[in-house]
Amino acid sequence: MHPRGLLPDCVVEMNDALALLELDSVAGGLAALDVLVKQAPVEVFEANLVEPGKFLILFAGGVAEVEESHAVVLERFGGQLLSEMYLPMVHSALVDGLRGVENRKTPDTLGVVEGTDVAATLKAADRALKDASVVLCGLRVAVGLGGRAYFVVAGAQHDVESSVETSKMVLEEHERLHRVQVISRPHDEMVAWLLRPAPFRIG
């Protein structure tokens, strides 16, 4: 997933904040988007309809700016919110991954973590990257996944196992775990297969 370019002059630096808002309608989502971008300068990564019939807004920026924009939507649209997330001091690799940066080198071990909620899955990814020495290969959010999300990490087997276990605990705390898998000595093309655009297609 790549930035939508709504505010191209705003670039997120390391240790800034990430926020997500999921509303129960397109109309409410668009109104909330208008409010939050007027409130403070933030970078919008995604603002779109996701299945089944929800509107997702994902944005980042300075800690104070993201907190301000997040708070104003909570205040004005609280009754329409289905899910929300505010992550200050987010891991920089997670922000890069949301911009579409991917690491497709063949690793020693891969870890795949899939959640049933975008916000909880992003929290799990942030914790996984902070708590273990792993690399984020990439992540997929919402589009073509029925509102779910997954991410792929790579590294030495013990590090990947640790990060996957941490992710599993975070998702279980939110009752949003779908599946986790550790793949040792993966095929050379495995990362490319895991990170194909959705819907999967050849070429």
C-alpha atoms as a PDB file:
ATOM      1  CA  MET A   1       0.000   0.000   0.000  1.00  0.00           C
ATOM      2  CA  HIS A   2       1.325   3.441  -0.898  1.00  0.00           C
ATOM      3  CA  PRO A   3       0.545   6.973   0.313  1.00  0.00           C
ATOM      4  CA  ARG A   4      -2.436   8.593  -1.341  1.00  0.00           C
ATOM      5  CA  GLY A   5      -0.624  11.898  -1.732  1.00  0.00           C
ATOM      6  CA  LEU A   6      -3.226  13.953   0.093  1.00  0.00           C
ATOM      7  CA  LEU A   7      -0.493  15.863   1.917  1.00  0.00           C
ATOM      8  CA  PRO A   8       2.710  15.193  -0.054  1.00  0.00           C
ATOM      9  CA  ASP A   9       4.852  17.743   1.803  1.00  0.00           C
ATOM     10  CA  CYS A  10       4.554  15.938   5.141  1.00  0.00           C
ATOM     11  CA  VAL A  11       7.160  13.202   5.650  1.00  0.00           C
ATOM     12  CA  VAL A  12       7.162  10.975   8.732  1.00  0.00           C
ATOM     13  CA  GLU A  13      10.478  10.642  10.585  1.00  0.00           C
ATOM     14  CA  MET A  14      11.617   7.867  12.909  1.00  0.00           C
ATOM     15  CA  ASN A  15       9.812   7.612  16.240  1.00  0.00           C
ATOM     16  CA  ASP A  16       6.769   9.565  15.127  1.00  0.00           C
ATOM     17  CA  ALA A  17       3.201   8.348  15.537  1.00  0.00           C
ATOM     18  CA  LEU A  18       0.761   6.202  13.597  1.00  0.00           C
ATOM     19  CA  ALA A  19      -3.025   6.191  13.905  1.00  0.00           C
ATOM     20  CA  LEU A  20      -5.936   4.286  12.425  1.00  0.00           C
ATOM     21  CA  LEU A  21      -9.664   5.002  12.406  1.00  0.00           C
ATOM     22  CA  GLU A  22     -12.282   2.591  11.114  1.00  0.00           C
ATOM     23  CA  LEU A  23     -15.798   3.974  10.681  1.00  0.00           C
ATOM     24  CA  ASP A  24     -19.099   2.285   9.921  1.00  0.00           C
ATOM     25  CA  SER A  25     -19.877   4.195   6.699  1.00  0.00           C
ATOM     26  CA  VAL A  26     -18.251   5.856   3.699  1.00  0.00           C
ATOM     27  CA  ALA A  27     -20.058   9.144   4.379  1.00  0.00           C
ATOM     28  CA  GLY A  28     -18.853   9.270   7.969  1.00  0.00           C
ATOM     29  CA  GLY A  29     -15.362   8.206   6.951  1.00  0.00           C
ATOM     30  CA  LEU A  30     -14.999  10.958   4.384  1.00  0.00           C
ATOM     31  CA  ALA A  31     -16.285  13.564   6.838  1.00  0.00           C
ATOM     32  CA  ALA A  32     -13.825  12.324   9.483  1.00  0.00           C
ATOM     33  CA  LEU A  33     -10.985  12.437   6.952  1.00  0.00           C
ATOM     34  CA  ASP A  34     -11.783  16.063   6.146  1.00  0.00           C
ATOM     35  CA  VAL A  35     -11.787  16.966   9.827  1.00  0.00           C
ATOM     36  CA  LEU A  36      -8.505  15.248  10.713  1.00  0.00           C
ATOM     37  CA  VAL A  37      -6.444  16.647   7.838  1.00  0.00           C
ATOM     38  CA  LYS A  38      -7.697  20.152   8.655  1.00  0.00           C
ATOM     39  CA  GLN A  39      -6.856  19.707  12.323  1.00  0.00           C
ATOM     40  CA  ALA A  40      -3.110  19.070  11.933  1.00  0.00           C
ATOM     41  CA  PRO A  41      -0.498  18.311   9.228  1.00  0.00           C
ATOM     42  CA  VAL A  42      -0.433  14.517   8.890  1.00  0.00           C
ATOM     43  CA  GLU A  43       0.453  12.055   6.124  1.00  0.00           C
ATOM     44  CA  VAL A  44      -2.493   9.927   5.011  1.00  0.00           C
ATOM     45  CA  PHE A  45      -1.447   6.432   3.914  1.00  0.00           C
ATOM     46  CA  GLU A  46      -4.916   5.056   3.246  1.00  0.00           C
ATOM     47  CA  ALA A  47      -8.454   6.422   3.192  1.00  0.00           C
ATOM     48  CA  ASN A  48     -10.767   3.949   1.535  1.00  0.00           C
ATOM     49  CA  LEU A  49     -13.653   1.525   1.745  1.00  0.00           C
ATOM     50  CA  VAL A  50     -12.775  -1.888   3.177  1.00  0.00           C
ATOM     51  CA  GLU A  51     -14.926  -4.981   3.400  1.00  0.00           C
ATOM     52  CA  PRO A  52     -17.516  -5.407   4.745  1.00  0.00           C
ATOM     53  CA  GLY A  53     -18.800  -1.847   4.232  1.00  0.00           C
ATOM     54  CA  LYS A  54     -16.359   0.007   6.498  1.00  0.00           C
ATOM     55  CA  PHE A  55     -14.166   3.052   5.862  1.00  0.00           C
ATOM     56  CA  LEU A  56     -10.555   2.930   7.002  1.00  0.00           C
ATOM     57  CA  ILE A  57      -8.237   5.910   7.548  1.00  0.00           C
ATOM     58  CA  LEU A  58      -4.554   5.298   8.286  1.00  0.00           C
ATOM     59  CA  PHE A  59      -2.250   8.253   8.898  1.00  0.00           C
ATOM     60  CA  ALA A  60       1.057   9.234  10.494  1.00  0.00           C
ATOM     61  CA  GLY A  61       3.080  12.270  11.472  1.00  0.00           C
ATOM     62  CA  GLY A  62       4.564  13.987  14.500  1.00  0.00           C
ATOM     63  CA  VAL A  63       3.368  12.659  17.845  1.00  0.00           C
ATOM     64  CA  ALA A  64       1.503  15.846  18.786  1.00  0.00           C
ATOM     65  CA  GLU A  65      -0.063  16.251  15.337  1.00  0.00           C
ATOM     66  CA  VAL A  66      -1.293  12.667  15.080  1.00  0.00           C
ATOM     67  CA  GLU A  67      -2.625  12.725  18.630  1.00  0.00           C
ATOM     68  CA  GLU A  68      -4.516  15.950  17.874  1.00  0.00           C
ATOM     69  CA  SER A  69      -6.074  14.645  14.642  1.00  0.00           C
ATOM     70  CA  HIS A  70      -6.904  11.301  16.236  1.00  0.00           C
ATOM     71  CA  ALA A  71      -8.522  12.970  19.250  1.00  0.00           C
ATOM     72  CA  VAL A  72     -10.752  15.282  17.215  1.00  0.00           C
ATOM     73  CA  VAL A  73     -12.222  12.345  15.292  1.00  0.00           C
ATOM     74  CA  LEU A  74     -12.815  10.413  18.521  1.00  0.00           C
ATOM     75  CA  GLU A  75     -14.645  13.441  19.892  1.00  0.00           C
ATOM     76  CA  ARG A  76     -16.792  14.159  16.839  1.00  0.00           C
ATOM     77  CA  PHE A  77     -17.338  10.686  15.366  1.00  0.00           C
ATOM     78  CA  GLY A  78     -17.102   8.405  18.411  1.00  0.00           C
ATOM     79  CA  GLY A  79     -20.516   6.870  17.762  1.00  0.00           C
ATOM     80  CA  GLN A  80     -19.490   5.829  14.242  1.00  0.00           C
ATOM     81  CA  LEU A  81     -16.137   4.274  15.125  1.00  0.00           C
ATOM     82  CA  LEU A  82     -15.727   0.515  14.860  1.00  0.00           C
ATOM     83  CA  SER A  83     -12.011   0.431  15.645  1.00  0.00           C
ATOM     84  CA  GLU A  84      -9.243   2.893  16.425  1.00  0.00           C
ATOM     85  CA  MET A  85      -5.523   2.906  17.154  1.00  0.00           C
ATOM     86  CA  TYR A  86      -2.941   5.459  18.261  1.00  0.00           C
ATOM     87  CA  LEU A  87       0.725   4.367  18.303  1.00  0.00           C
ATOM     88  CA  PRO A  88       3.220   6.999  19.494  1.00  0.00           C
ATOM     89  CA  MET A  89       6.916   6.279  18.906  1.00  0.00           C
ATOM     90  CA  VAL A  90       6.055   3.758  16.192  1.00  0.00           C
ATOM     91  CA  HIS A  91       8.880   1.645  14.753  1.00  0.00           C
ATOM     92  CA  SER A  92      10.222   3.322  11.612  1.00  0.00           C
ATOM     93  CA  ALA A  93      10.173   0.051   9.617  1.00  0.00           C
ATOM     94  CA  LEU A  94       6.414  -0.198  10.101  1.00  0.00           C
ATOM     95  CA  VAL A  95       5.933   3.275   8.619  1.00  0.00           C
ATOM     96  CA  ASP A  96       8.247   2.353   5.727  1.00  0.00           C
ATOM     97  CA  GLY A  97       6.231  -0.823   5.154  1.00  0.00           C
ATOM     98  CA  LEU A  98       3.016   1.171   4.950  1.00  0.00           C
ATOM     99  CA  ARG A  99       4.682   3.338   2.308  1.00  0.00           C
ATOM    100  CA  GLY A 100       5.287   0.185   0.271  1.00  0.00           C
ATOM    101  CA  VAL A 101       8.929  -0.490   1.171  1.00  0.00           C
ATOM    102  CA  GLU A 102       9.631  -4.238   1.069  1.00  0.00           C
ATOM    103  CA  ASN A 103      12.600  -6.491   1.810  1.00  0.00           C
ATOM    104  CA  ARG A 104      12.513  -9.490  -0.541  1.00  0.00           C
ATOM    105  CA  LYS A 105      15.891 -11.033   0.241  1.00  0.00           C
ATOM    106  CA  THR A 106      15.757 -14.775   0.970  1.00  0.00           C
ATOM    107  CA  PRO A 107      16.018 -15.155   4.760  1.00  0.00           C
ATOM    108  CA  ASP A 108      16.965 -17.973   7.111  1.00  0.00           C
ATOM    109  CA  THR A 109      13.430 -18.024   8.555  1.00  0.00           C
ATOM    110  CA  LEU A 110      10.139 -16.275   7.849  1.00  0.00           C
ATOM    111  CA  GLY A 111       7.316 -15.472  10.225  1.00  0.00           C
ATOM    112  CA  VAL A 112       3.799 -14.778   8.944  1.00  0.00           C
ATOM    113  CA  VAL A 113       1.275 -13.142  11.275  1.00  0.00           C
ATOM    114  CA  GLU A 114      -2.374 -12.676  10.275  1.00  0.00           C
ATOM    115  CA  GLY A 115      -4.978 -10.796  12.281  1.00  0.00           C
ATOM    116  CA  THR A 116      -8.708 -10.284  11.832  1.00  0.00           C
ATOM    117  CA  ASP A 117      -8.458  -6.538  12.523  1.00  0.00           C
ATOM    118  CA  VAL A 118      -6.124  -4.009  10.911  1.00  0.00           C
ATOM    119  CA  ALA A 119      -5.478  -1.949  14.058  1.00  0.00           C
ATOM    120  CA  ALA A 120      -4.582  -4.948  16.212  1.00  0.00           C
ATOM    121  CA  THR A 121      -2.349  -6.390  13.481  1.00  0.00           C
ATOM    122  CA  LEU A 122      -0.409  -3.130  13.184  1.00  0.00           C
ATOM    123  CA  LYS A 123       0.046  -3.061  16.967  1.00  0.00           C
ATOM    124  CA  ALA A 124       1.362  -6.614  16.786  1.00  0.00           C
ATOM    125  CA  ALA A 125       3.792  -5.683  14.002  1.00  0.00           C
ATOM    126  CA  ASP A 126       5.100  -2.704  15.972  1.00  0.00           C
ATOM    127  CA  ARG A 127       5.736  -4.881  19.025  1.00  0.00           C
ATOM    128  CA  ALA A 128       7.330  -7.644  16.946  1.00  0.00           C
ATOM    129  CA  LEU A 129       9.817  -5.215  15.414  1.00  0.00           C
ATOM    130  CA  LYS A 130      10.662  -3.606  18.752  1.00  0.00           C
ATOM    131  CA  ASP A 131      10.999  -6.795  20.792  1.00  0.00           C
ATOM    132  CA  ALA A 132      13.118  -8.979  18.475  1.00  0.00           C
ATOM    133  CA  SER A 133      15.936  -8.587  15.955  1.00  0.00           C
ATOM    134  CA  VAL A 134      13.871  -9.153  12.809  1.00  0.00           C
ATOM    135  CA  VAL A 135      13.336  -7.379   9.493  1.00  0.00           C
ATOM    136  CA  LEU A 136       9.913  -6.478   8.144  1.00  0.00           C
ATOM    137  CA  CYS A 137       9.632  -8.009   4.677  1.00  0.00           C
ATOM    138  CA  GLY A 138       6.296  -6.344   4.037  1.00  0.00           C
ATOM    139  CA  LEU A 139       2.679  -6.140   5.059  1.00  0.00           C
ATOM    140  CA  ARG A 140      -0.753  -6.207   3.487  1.00  0.00           C
ATOM    141  CA  VAL A 141      -3.664  -4.226   4.879  1.00  0.00           C
ATOM    142  CA  ALA A 142      -7.382  -4.477   4.133  1.00  0.00           C
ATOM    143  CA  VAL A 143      -7.652  -4.488   0.329  1.00  0.00           C
ATOM    144  CA  GLY A 144      -8.717  -7.938  -0.884  1.00  0.00           C
ATOM    145  CA  LEU A 145      -8.481  -9.410   2.633  1.00  0.00           C
ATOM    146  CA  GLY A 146     -12.016  -8.867   3.901  1.00  0.00           C
ATOM    147  CA  GLY A 147     -10.864  -6.379   6.541  1.00  0.00           C
ATOM    148  CA  ARG A 148      -7.993  -8.568   7.753  1.00  0.00           C
ATOM    149  CA  ALA A 149      -4.265  -7.814   7.600  1.00  0.00           C
ATOM    150  CA  TYR A 150      -0.990  -9.712   7.716  1.00  0.00           C
ATOM    151  CA  PHE A 151       2.729  -9.020   7.865  1.00  0.00           C
ATOM    152  CA  VAL A 152       5.904 -11.002   7.199  1.00  0.00           C
ATOM    153  CA  VAL A 153       9.120 -10.781   9.227  1.00  0.00           C
ATOM    154  CA  ALA A 154      12.500 -12.403   8.580  1.00  0.00           C
ATOM    155  CA  GLY A 155      15.651 -13.234  10.476  1.00  0.00           C
ATOM    156  CA  ALA A 156      17.386 -15.967  12.436  1.00  0.00           C
ATOM    157  CA  GLN A 157      14.987 -18.700  13.519  1.00  0.00           C
ATOM    158  CA  HIS A 158      15.061 -17.895  17.256  1.00  0.00           C
ATOM    159  CA  ASP A 159      14.447 -14.206  16.577  1.00  0.00           C
ATOM    160  CA  VAL A 160      11.559 -14.906  14.206  1.00  0.00           C
ATOM    161  CA  GLU A 161       9.994 -17.357  16.651  1.00  0.00           C
ATOM    162  CA  SER A 162      10.249 -14.746  19.410  1.00  0.00           C
ATOM    163  CA  SER A 163       8.685 -12.012  17.278  1.00  0.00           C
ATOM    164  CA  VAL A 164       5.859 -14.282  16.137  1.00  0.00           C
ATOM    165  CA  GLU A 165       5.118 -15.303  19.724  1.00  0.00           C
ATOM    166  CA  THR A 166       5.037 -11.631  20.763  1.00  0.00           C
ATOM    167  CA  SER A 167       2.689 -10.829  17.881  1.00  0.00           C
ATOM    168  CA  LYS A 168       0.456 -13.742  18.809  1.00  0.00           C
ATOM    169  CA  MET A 169       0.168 -12.490  22.387  1.00  0.00           C
ATOM    170  CA  VAL A 170      -0.797  -8.974  21.233  1.00  0.00           C
ATOM    171  CA  LEU A 171      -3.474 -10.299  18.879  1.00  0.00           C
ATOM    172  CA  GLU A 172      -4.812 -12.696  21.497  1.00  0.00           C
ATOM    173  CA  GLU A 173      -5.099  -9.811  23.979  1.00  0.00           C
ATOM    174  CA  HIS A 174      -7.356  -8.062  21.453  1.00  0.00           C
ATOM    175  CA  GLU A 175      -9.127 -11.312  20.487  1.00  0.00           C
ATOM    176  CA  ARG A 176      -8.037 -10.667  16.881  1.00  0.00           C
ATOM    177  CA  LEU A 177      -5.665 -13.548  16.154  1.00  0.00           C
ATOM    178  CA  HIS A 178      -6.334 -15.455  12.937  1.00  0.00           C
ATOM    179  CA  ARG A 179      -3.166 -17.455  12.288  1.00  0.00           C
ATOM    180  CA  VAL A 180       0.636 -17.383  12.703  1.00  0.00           C
ATOM    181  CA  GLN A 181       3.232 -19.489  10.922  1.00  0.00           C
ATOM    182  CA  VAL A 182       7.026 -19.869  11.081  1.00  0.00           C
ATOM    183  CA  ILE A 183       8.663 -21.063   7.839  1.00  0.00           C
ATOM    184  CA  SER A 184      12.249 -22.323   8.162  1.00  0.00           C
ATOM    185  CA  ARG A 185      14.628 -22.296   5.177  1.00  0.00           C
ATOM    186  CA  PRO A 186      11.988 -20.897   2.798  1.00  0.00           C
ATOM    187  CA  HIS A 187      12.084 -21.312  -0.964  1.00  0.00           C
ATOM    188  CA  ASP A 188      13.899 -18.490  -2.785  1.00  0.00           C
ATOM    189  CA  GLU A 189      10.603 -17.164  -4.145  1.00  0.00           C
ATOM    190  CA  MET A 190       8.587 -17.500  -0.938  1.00  0.00           C
ATOM    191  CA  VAL A 191       8.780 -13.828   0.097  1.00  0.00           C
ATOM    192  CA  ALA A 192       7.640 -12.737  -3.366  1.00  0.00           C
ATOM    193  CA  TRP A 193       4.728 -15.176  -3.179  1.00  0.00           C
ATOM    194  CA  LEU A 194       3.709 -13.953   0.278  1.00  0.00           C
ATOM    195  CA  LEU A 195       3.772 -10.321  -0.801  1.00  0.00           C
ATOM    196  CA  ARG A 196       2.003 -10.523  -4.133  1.00  0.00           C
ATOM    197  CA  PRO A 197      -0.569  -7.755  -4.588  1.00  0.00           C
ATOM    198  CA  ALA A 198      -4.157  -8.729  -3.812  1.00  0.00           C
ATOM    199  CA  PRO A 199      -6.002 -10.159  -5.586  1.00  0.00           C
ATOM    200  CA  PHE A 200      -3.226 -12.580  -6.529  1.00  0.00           C
ATOM    201  CA  ARG A 201      -2.407 -12.521 -10.197  1.00  0.00           C
ATOM    202  CA  ILE A 202       0.398 -13.746 -12.452  1.00  0.00           C
ATOM    203  CA  GLY A 203       2.714 -11.196 -14.015  1.00  0.00           C
END
